[in-house]
Protein backbone atom coordinates (compact mmCIF):
# COMPACT_ATOMS: atom_id res chain seq x y z
CA UNK A 1 -17.04 172.79 56.81
CA UNK A 2 -13.68 173.48 58.39
CA UNK A 3 -13.34 176.27 60.91
CA UNK A 4 -11.77 179.38 59.40
CA UNK A 5 -8.64 181.01 60.85
CA UNK A 6 -6.56 183.93 59.59
CA UNK A 7 -2.89 184.66 59.90
CA UNK A 8 -1.97 188.34 59.83
CA UNK A 9 1.47 189.46 58.66
CA UNK A 10 2.97 192.61 57.17
CA UNK A 11 4.51 190.62 54.29
CA UNK A 12 3.84 187.14 52.93
CA UNK A 13 5.02 185.04 50.01
CA UNK A 14 7.65 182.62 48.81
CA UNK A 15 9.79 185.58 47.71
CA UNK A 16 9.85 186.93 51.27
CA UNK A 17 12.75 185.34 53.15
CA UNK A 18 12.63 187.13 56.50
CA UNK A 19 12.54 184.91 59.59
CA UNK A 20 9.12 185.99 60.93
CA UNK A 21 7.58 185.82 57.45
CA UNK A 22 8.97 182.34 56.85
CA UNK A 23 7.74 181.29 60.31
CA UNK A 24 4.22 182.51 59.49
CA UNK A 25 4.15 180.69 56.15
CA UNK A 26 5.31 177.37 57.60
CA UNK A 27 2.65 177.41 60.33
CA UNK A 28 -0.11 178.47 57.92
CA UNK A 29 0.65 175.72 55.41
CA UNK A 30 0.76 173.06 58.12
CA UNK A 31 -2.75 173.92 59.30
CA UNK A 32 -4.35 173.63 55.84
CA UNK A 33 -5.61 170.09 56.38
CA UNK A 34 -7.19 170.95 59.71
CA UNK A 35 -8.60 174.46 59.12
CA UNK A 36 -9.72 176.74 56.34
CA UNK A 37 -6.59 178.89 56.40
CA UNK A 38 -6.29 182.46 55.16
CA UNK A 39 -3.55 185.09 55.36
CA UNK A 40 -4.26 188.80 55.61
CA UNK A 41 -1.27 190.81 54.45
CA UNK A 42 -0.18 193.90 52.55
CA UNK A 43 0.96 194.21 48.95
CA UNK A 44 4.48 195.26 49.92
CA UNK A 45 7.70 193.29 49.54
CA UNK A 46 10.50 195.68 50.54
CA UNK A 47 10.52 196.33 54.29
CA UNK A 48 12.75 199.41 53.90
CA UNK A 49 10.94 201.59 51.38
CA UNK A 50 7.70 199.80 50.54
CA UNK A 51 8.65 199.14 46.93
CA UNK A 52 8.31 196.04 44.72
CA UNK A 53 4.71 195.31 45.59
CA UNK A 54 2.38 192.39 44.89
CA UNK A 55 -0.93 193.12 43.12
CA UNK A 56 -3.86 193.77 45.41
CA UNK A 57 -6.42 190.96 45.65
CA UNK A 58 -6.49 187.24 46.40
CA UNK A 59 -4.36 184.26 45.42
CA UNK A 60 -3.96 180.65 46.54
CA UNK A 61 -0.52 179.57 47.76
CA UNK A 62 -0.06 175.95 48.87
CA UNK A 63 -3.71 175.67 49.91
CA UNK A 64 -3.71 179.02 51.76
CA UNK A 65 -5.98 181.88 50.59
CA UNK A 66 -3.83 185.01 50.67
CA UNK A 67 -5.71 188.31 50.78
CA UNK A 68 -3.46 191.28 49.92
CA UNK A 69 -4.45 194.81 50.93
CA UNK A 70 -3.06 198.10 49.63
CA UNK A 71 -1.23 200.36 52.04
CA UNK A 72 -1.46 204.13 52.39
CA UNK A 73 1.27 205.71 50.22
CA UNK A 74 3.97 207.03 52.52
CA UNK A 75 7.59 207.85 51.87
CA UNK A 76 10.39 206.71 54.19
CA UNK A 77 10.89 210.39 55.07
CA UNK A 78 7.26 210.78 56.17
CA UNK A 79 7.46 207.56 58.19
CA UNK A 80 10.60 208.78 59.98
CA UNK A 81 9.03 212.18 60.67
CA UNK A 82 6.00 210.69 62.44
CA UNK A 83 8.20 208.12 64.20
CA UNK A 84 10.38 210.91 65.60
CA UNK A 85 7.33 212.55 67.15
CA UNK A 86 6.53 209.32 69.00
CA UNK A 87 9.96 208.04 69.92
CA UNK A 88 10.42 210.04 73.17
CA UNK A 89 8.23 207.80 75.32
CA UNK A 90 9.52 204.70 73.61
CA UNK A 91 13.08 205.70 74.50
CA UNK A 92 11.97 206.57 78.03
CA UNK A 93 10.42 203.16 78.55
CA UNK A 94 13.57 201.55 77.18
CA UNK A 95 15.63 203.56 79.64
CA UNK A 96 13.37 202.42 82.50
CA UNK A 97 13.95 198.85 81.37
CA UNK A 98 17.74 199.26 81.27
CA UNK A 99 17.80 200.61 84.85
CA UNK A 100 15.47 197.77 85.92
CA UNK A 101 12.50 200.00 86.85
CA UNK A 102 10.08 199.11 84.05
CA UNK A 103 9.19 195.58 85.27
CA UNK A 104 7.88 196.97 88.55
CA UNK A 105 5.93 199.74 86.83
CA UNK A 106 4.50 197.37 84.20
CA UNK A 107 3.20 195.08 86.95
CA UNK A 108 0.74 197.83 88.00
CA UNK A 109 0.38 199.98 84.84
CA UNK A 110 -1.47 197.92 82.25
CA UNK A 111 -1.67 200.45 79.40
CA UNK A 112 0.98 203.15 79.09
CA UNK A 113 -1.03 206.32 78.27
CA UNK A 114 1.75 208.92 77.92
CA UNK A 115 2.70 209.14 74.26
CA UNK A 116 0.02 206.63 73.22
CA UNK A 117 -1.80 208.93 70.77
CA UNK A 118 1.43 209.98 69.05
CA UNK A 119 2.52 206.36 68.82
CA UNK A 120 -0.74 205.26 67.21
CA UNK A 121 -0.48 208.16 64.75
CA UNK A 122 3.02 207.04 63.81
CA UNK A 123 1.65 203.55 63.09
CA UNK A 124 -0.98 205.09 60.80
CA UNK A 125 1.86 206.76 58.87
CA UNK A 126 4.07 203.70 58.59
CA UNK A 127 4.84 201.75 55.43
CA UNK A 128 2.77 198.70 56.39
CA UNK A 129 -0.43 200.43 57.54
CA UNK A 130 -3.43 199.32 55.50
CA UNK A 131 -6.85 200.87 56.20
CA UNK A 132 -8.38 198.19 53.97
CA UNK A 133 -6.95 195.40 56.10
CA UNK A 134 -8.13 197.06 59.31
CA UNK A 135 -11.63 197.55 57.88
CA UNK A 136 -11.73 193.94 56.69
CA UNK A 137 -10.84 192.58 60.12
CA UNK A 138 -13.39 194.84 61.78
CA UNK A 139 -16.17 193.81 59.43
CA UNK A 140 -15.37 190.09 59.18
CA UNK A 141 -13.95 189.05 62.54
CA UNK A 142 -17.01 186.99 63.41
CA UNK A 143 -16.27 184.74 60.40
CA UNK A 144 -12.98 183.57 61.90
CA UNK A 145 -12.35 181.33 64.87
CA UNK A 146 -8.95 182.90 65.54
CA UNK A 147 -6.46 185.43 64.19
CA UNK A 148 -2.75 184.63 64.49
CA UNK A 149 -0.78 187.84 64.17
CA UNK A 150 2.96 188.10 63.65
CA UNK A 151 5.68 190.42 64.86
CA UNK A 152 5.39 193.56 67.01
CA UNK A 153 7.58 195.48 64.56
CA UNK A 154 4.79 196.51 62.17
CA UNK A 155 1.37 198.22 62.18
CA UNK A 156 -0.79 195.10 61.49
CA UNK A 157 0.08 193.75 64.93
CA UNK A 158 -1.40 196.70 66.81
CA UNK A 159 -4.51 197.09 64.65
CA UNK A 160 -5.35 193.38 64.71
CA UNK A 161 -5.19 193.50 68.50
CA UNK A 162 -7.48 196.55 68.61
CA UNK A 163 -10.07 195.12 66.22
CA UNK A 164 -10.07 191.43 67.23
CA UNK A 165 -7.89 191.04 70.31
CA UNK A 166 -10.37 188.76 72.07
CA UNK A 167 -9.78 186.03 69.46
CA UNK A 168 -6.14 186.80 68.65
CA UNK A 169 -3.06 184.68 69.22
CA UNK A 170 0.07 186.82 69.04
CA UNK A 171 3.41 185.49 67.84
CA UNK A 172 5.35 188.64 68.73
CA UNK A 173 8.92 187.63 67.73
CA UNK A 174 9.89 190.02 70.50
CA UNK A 175 13.42 191.25 71.09
CA UNK A 176 15.19 193.82 73.25
CA UNK A 177 15.05 196.69 70.76
CA UNK A 178 13.48 200.13 71.08
CA UNK A 179 10.54 199.19 68.84
CA UNK A 180 9.43 196.71 71.50
CA UNK A 181 8.94 199.53 74.02
CA UNK A 182 6.41 201.60 72.10
CA UNK A 183 3.37 202.59 74.22
CA UNK A 184 0.93 201.22 71.64
CA UNK A 185 2.13 197.69 72.34
CA UNK A 186 0.96 197.91 75.94
CA UNK A 187 -2.57 198.51 74.63
CA UNK A 188 -2.19 195.72 72.07
CA UNK A 189 -1.11 193.10 74.59
CA UNK A 190 -3.84 194.20 77.03
CA UNK A 191 -6.39 193.14 74.36
CA UNK A 192 -4.71 189.98 73.01
CA UNK A 193 -6.17 186.71 74.24
CA UNK A 194 -3.04 184.54 74.08
CA UNK A 195 0.63 185.14 73.30
CA UNK A 196 2.78 182.31 71.93
CA UNK A 197 6.46 182.94 72.41
CA UNK A 198 9.30 181.15 70.63
CA UNK A 199 11.66 180.60 73.57
CA UNK A 200 11.68 180.91 77.36
CA UNK A 201 14.04 183.89 77.04
CA UNK A 202 11.56 185.72 74.82
CA UNK A 203 8.72 184.97 77.23
CA UNK A 204 10.71 186.36 80.16
CA UNK A 205 11.44 189.49 78.16
CA UNK A 206 7.76 189.91 77.40
CA UNK A 207 6.78 189.63 81.04
CA UNK A 208 9.41 192.16 82.07
CA UNK A 209 8.33 194.71 79.44
CA UNK A 210 4.54 194.33 79.51
CA UNK A 211 3.75 192.89 82.94
CA UNK A 212 0.04 193.33 83.72
CA UNK A 213 -0.82 193.95 80.04
CA UNK A 214 0.29 190.44 79.08
CA UNK A 215 -2.49 187.90 79.42
CA UNK A 216 -2.25 184.15 78.99
CA UNK A 217 1.00 183.11 77.36
CA UNK A 218 3.18 180.09 76.67
CA UNK A 219 5.74 178.64 74.32
CA UNK A 220 4.64 177.66 70.81
CA UNK A 221 7.93 177.82 68.92
CA UNK A 222 8.62 176.71 65.37
CA UNK A 223 10.24 173.95 63.37
CA UNK A 224 12.07 174.24 60.05
CA UNK A 225 11.72 173.22 56.43
CA UNK A 226 14.32 170.81 55.05
CA UNK A 227 14.27 170.97 51.26
CA UNK A 228 16.52 168.69 49.30
CA UNK A 229 19.82 170.54 48.88
CA UNK A 230 20.87 171.62 45.43
CA UNK A 231 23.78 169.73 43.92
CA UNK A 232 26.89 171.09 45.62
CA UNK A 233 29.14 171.11 42.57
CA UNK A 234 26.60 173.21 40.68
CA UNK A 235 26.15 175.65 43.59
CA UNK A 236 29.87 175.87 44.21
CA UNK A 237 30.53 176.75 40.57
CA UNK A 238 27.60 179.19 40.27
CA UNK A 239 28.68 181.29 43.26
CA UNK A 240 32.46 180.69 43.05
CA UNK A 241 32.59 179.20 46.54
CA UNK A 242 35.77 177.78 48.12
CA UNK A 243 36.03 174.45 49.94
CA UNK A 244 36.15 176.06 53.39
CA UNK A 245 34.37 179.24 54.45
CA UNK A 246 32.54 181.09 57.19
CA UNK A 247 28.86 181.73 56.44
CA UNK A 248 26.22 184.35 57.18
CA UNK A 249 22.69 183.91 55.82
CA UNK A 250 20.23 186.78 55.74
CA UNK A 251 19.82 190.31 54.46
CA UNK A 252 23.09 192.02 53.57
CA UNK A 253 22.10 195.23 55.31
CA UNK A 254 24.23 197.60 57.38
CA UNK A 255 21.90 197.18 60.38
CA UNK A 256 22.35 193.39 60.17
CA UNK A 257 25.90 192.90 58.94
CA UNK A 258 27.79 196.10 59.83
CA UNK A 259 29.31 194.82 63.08
CA UNK A 260 30.19 191.35 61.79
CA UNK A 261 32.04 192.88 58.84
CA UNK A 262 34.06 195.02 61.23
CA UNK A 263 34.90 191.99 63.39
CA UNK A 264 35.72 189.96 60.29
CA UNK A 265 38.22 192.64 59.29
CA UNK A 266 39.88 192.24 62.71
CA UNK A 267 39.99 188.47 62.19
CA UNK A 268 41.74 188.86 58.83
CA UNK A 269 44.27 191.26 60.36
CA UNK A 270 44.95 189.02 63.36
CA UNK A 271 47.85 187.15 61.82
CA UNK A 272 46.07 183.96 60.84
CA UNK A 273 48.18 182.61 57.95
CA UNK A 274 45.11 181.37 56.07
CA UNK A 275 41.98 183.25 57.14
CA UNK A 276 38.74 181.72 55.90
CA UNK A 277 36.62 183.79 53.51
CA UNK A 278 33.21 185.00 54.67
CA UNK A 279 30.24 184.15 52.45
CA UNK A 280 27.22 186.47 52.77
CA UNK A 281 24.19 184.67 51.33
CA UNK A 282 21.04 186.75 50.95
CA UNK A 283 19.50 189.79 49.35
CA UNK A 284 21.92 192.73 49.06
CA UNK A 285 20.63 196.02 50.45
CA UNK A 286 24.02 197.57 51.37
CA UNK A 287 27.13 196.42 49.51
CA UNK A 288 30.15 196.24 51.85
CA UNK A 289 32.84 198.83 51.13
CA UNK A 290 35.71 196.51 52.06
CA UNK A 291 35.34 193.31 50.05
CA UNK A 292 38.62 191.72 51.16
CA UNK A 293 37.76 188.05 51.80
CA UNK A 294 34.02 188.65 51.28
CA UNK A 295 31.92 186.61 48.83
CA UNK A 296 28.40 187.90 48.02
CA UNK A 297 25.92 185.43 46.53
CA UNK A 298 22.82 187.65 46.44
CA UNK A 299 19.44 185.94 46.81
CA UNK A 300 19.65 182.13 46.78
CA UNK A 301 16.88 179.54 46.57
CA UNK A 302 16.01 177.40 49.60
CA UNK A 303 17.66 174.40 47.93
CA UNK A 304 20.82 176.39 47.23
CA UNK A 305 20.80 177.84 50.73
CA UNK A 306 20.75 174.39 52.30
CA UNK A 307 23.61 173.21 50.13
CA UNK A 308 25.71 176.27 51.02
CA UNK A 309 24.90 175.81 54.71
CA UNK A 310 25.78 172.11 54.75
CA UNK A 311 29.25 172.81 53.37
CA UNK A 312 30.14 175.73 55.66
CA UNK A 313 32.97 175.36 58.16
CA UNK A 314 31.14 177.63 60.60
CA UNK A 315 27.80 179.42 60.52
CA UNK A 316 27.68 182.86 62.18
CA UNK A 317 24.60 184.73 63.40
CA UNK A 318 25.58 188.29 64.41
CA UNK A 319 22.05 189.41 65.29
CA UNK A 320 21.40 191.40 68.45
CA UNK A 321 17.67 190.86 68.11
CA UNK A 322 16.22 187.36 67.81
CA UNK A 323 13.20 185.58 69.24
CA UNK A 324 14.30 182.17 67.94
CA UNK A 325 16.48 182.22 64.75
CA UNK A 326 15.27 179.66 62.24
CA UNK A 327 18.55 179.68 60.36
CA UNK A 328 20.40 178.69 63.54
CA UNK A 329 18.00 175.74 63.87
CA UNK A 330 18.70 174.83 60.24
CA UNK A 331 22.44 174.83 60.92
CA UNK A 332 22.04 172.66 64.02
CA UNK A 333 19.84 170.22 62.13
CA UNK A 334 22.51 169.90 59.45
CA UNK A 335 25.29 169.42 62.02
CA UNK A 336 27.06 172.68 61.21
CA UNK A 337 28.97 174.41 64.08
CA UNK A 338 27.39 177.74 65.06
CA UNK A 339 28.84 180.99 66.47
CA UNK A 340 26.38 183.64 67.69
CA UNK A 341 26.30 187.14 69.16
CA UNK A 342 26.41 186.78 72.94
CA UNK A 343 24.67 190.14 73.43
CA UNK A 344 21.41 188.52 72.24
CA UNK A 345 19.68 186.82 75.19
CA UNK A 346 17.83 184.31 73.01
CA UNK A 347 20.95 183.19 71.17
CA UNK A 348 22.94 182.99 74.37
CA UNK A 349 20.15 180.87 75.86
CA UNK A 350 20.50 178.47 72.92
CA UNK A 351 24.20 178.16 73.81
CA UNK A 352 23.43 177.40 77.46
CA UNK A 353 20.47 175.05 76.91
CA UNK A 354 22.28 173.06 74.20
CA UNK A 355 25.29 172.29 76.38
CA UNK A 356 27.81 173.72 73.93
CA UNK A 357 26.28 173.07 70.52
CA UNK A 358 26.67 176.80 69.90
CA UNK A 359 29.45 179.15 71.01
CA UNK A 360 29.11 182.91 71.39
CA UNK A 361 31.32 185.99 71.09
CA UNK A 362 31.07 189.35 72.85
CA UNK A 363 33.52 191.54 70.91
CA UNK A 364 36.00 191.52 68.04
CA UNK A 365 38.69 189.71 70.01
CA UNK A 366 36.45 186.86 71.17
CA UNK A 367 34.99 186.68 67.63
CA UNK A 368 38.48 185.99 66.28
CA UNK A 369 39.37 183.62 69.14
CA UNK A 370 36.21 181.54 68.66
CA UNK A 371 36.66 181.26 64.91
CA UNK A 372 40.22 180.05 65.35
CA UNK A 373 39.28 177.67 68.13
CA UNK A 374 36.35 176.07 66.30
CA UNK A 375 37.71 175.92 62.75
CA UNK A 376 41.12 174.77 63.98
CA UNK A 377 39.80 171.76 65.94
CA UNK A 378 38.08 168.91 64.07
CA UNK A 379 37.29 167.32 67.44
CA UNK A 380 35.46 170.43 68.69
CA UNK A 381 33.57 170.75 65.41
CA UNK A 382 32.47 167.13 65.66
CA UNK A 383 31.30 167.58 69.26
CA UNK A 384 29.37 170.76 68.45
CA UNK A 385 27.71 169.08 65.48
CA UNK A 386 26.52 166.11 67.55
CA UNK A 387 25.23 168.28 70.39
CA UNK A 388 23.43 170.58 67.93
CA UNK A 389 21.63 167.71 66.23
CA UNK A 390 20.48 166.38 69.60
CA UNK A 391 19.34 169.81 70.85
CA UNK A 392 17.34 170.46 67.71
CA UNK A 393 15.61 167.09 67.78
CA UNK A 394 14.49 167.44 71.41
CA UNK A 395 13.16 170.99 71.18
CA UNK A 396 12.12 171.97 67.65
CA UNK A 397 10.41 169.08 65.88
CA UNK A 398 7.09 169.94 64.26
CA UNK A 399 4.82 167.59 66.22
CA UNK A 400 4.99 169.37 69.61
CA UNK A 401 5.00 172.80 67.92
CA UNK A 402 1.73 172.15 66.08
CA UNK A 403 0.13 170.53 69.12
CA UNK A 404 0.83 173.70 71.11
CA UNK A 405 -0.50 175.95 68.33
CA UNK A 406 -3.74 174.02 67.84
CA UNK A 407 -4.28 173.97 71.61
CA UNK A 408 -3.98 177.77 71.59
CA UNK A 409 -6.48 178.03 68.74
CA UNK A 410 -8.97 175.89 70.63
CA UNK A 411 -8.51 178.01 73.75
CA UNK A 412 -9.04 181.29 71.88
CA UNK A 413 -12.01 180.07 69.86
CA UNK A 414 -13.65 178.24 72.74
CA UNK A 415 -13.75 175.06 70.65
CA UNK A 416 -13.47 171.62 72.26
CA UNK A 417 -12.58 169.85 69.01
């Protein structure tokens, strides 16, 4: 019989198109031939209000047994109320990080006790807390060789670490946001056997924040899926797309797209005689108030997404918080020029390590300047495309990624196979 492993994620399914969730699904499906693979997850789909749930129970998806657990009913208002009670120490730790004091403290303080009880209580009153999942892990952990838990943002990460940390591989998708500084995470990482980061920049961030709490760690990373693109003429007609456009892919959500829409407005007002439209491809949570030059597609299939990406003049990732960015890798693989937010260390590291395959902006003016520079120069676009393809091939092919992951599983489980 194959050894059994379990991935743990707040959300899971083909309908879930978040980066961490997609990352989890790709790794799980690629281990099916080697292990008996399960996923422990909640019934929820919507990360904002916990609505649109899956039925509780089990289902098979691409050879993976998915076990879905119900969550404790909680309203967004209740979640925010408990989070407010716990946020003081999280903000304080973030402040210590900004003034460069936290790394020294974390090198000697393994678990941050102040505010820990309040923080754990806030996790118990969060949308993705499932007592059934916690109980299942506690009662069945000896049946699994390893647990692979995703993303520090949600309750399953902490409770998996508490219940089965000695056989847990963490894929934290860590970024420099306040949620990463919660006291409960210091306890979680102090229990976790191995942490697999996506990039060197993410690993450095983890060491600076958690110091002595962080045990063995390394780079695992991720590859990408490359579905056959949908027929361009059909996609172009369906979504009324022009021949040339700027492109953002992801949730259309004020927290994700607010700043880029402001900068895009500056670009359109900058005097460019023919400003390119901006296509926002993804689920719509907040509809932009100013739609001048904006094209909304809503949710698109993976095949449609690849077709839209391949025909973009420039792909833009405005995120401040990334641990890798799968969609950036998809753009590089398809030889599409990329512009990213320079305030994100991981994205800026991609720019530096790739030798210019990606460019970055720091404010509205540089956003406009970079768009004009890249889209106005076929030679620069060609150079960026070639460098991007080369950078992707050297660093994010599936063979080394899966070798690193299976090595981590063997280490955690004590297996020599």
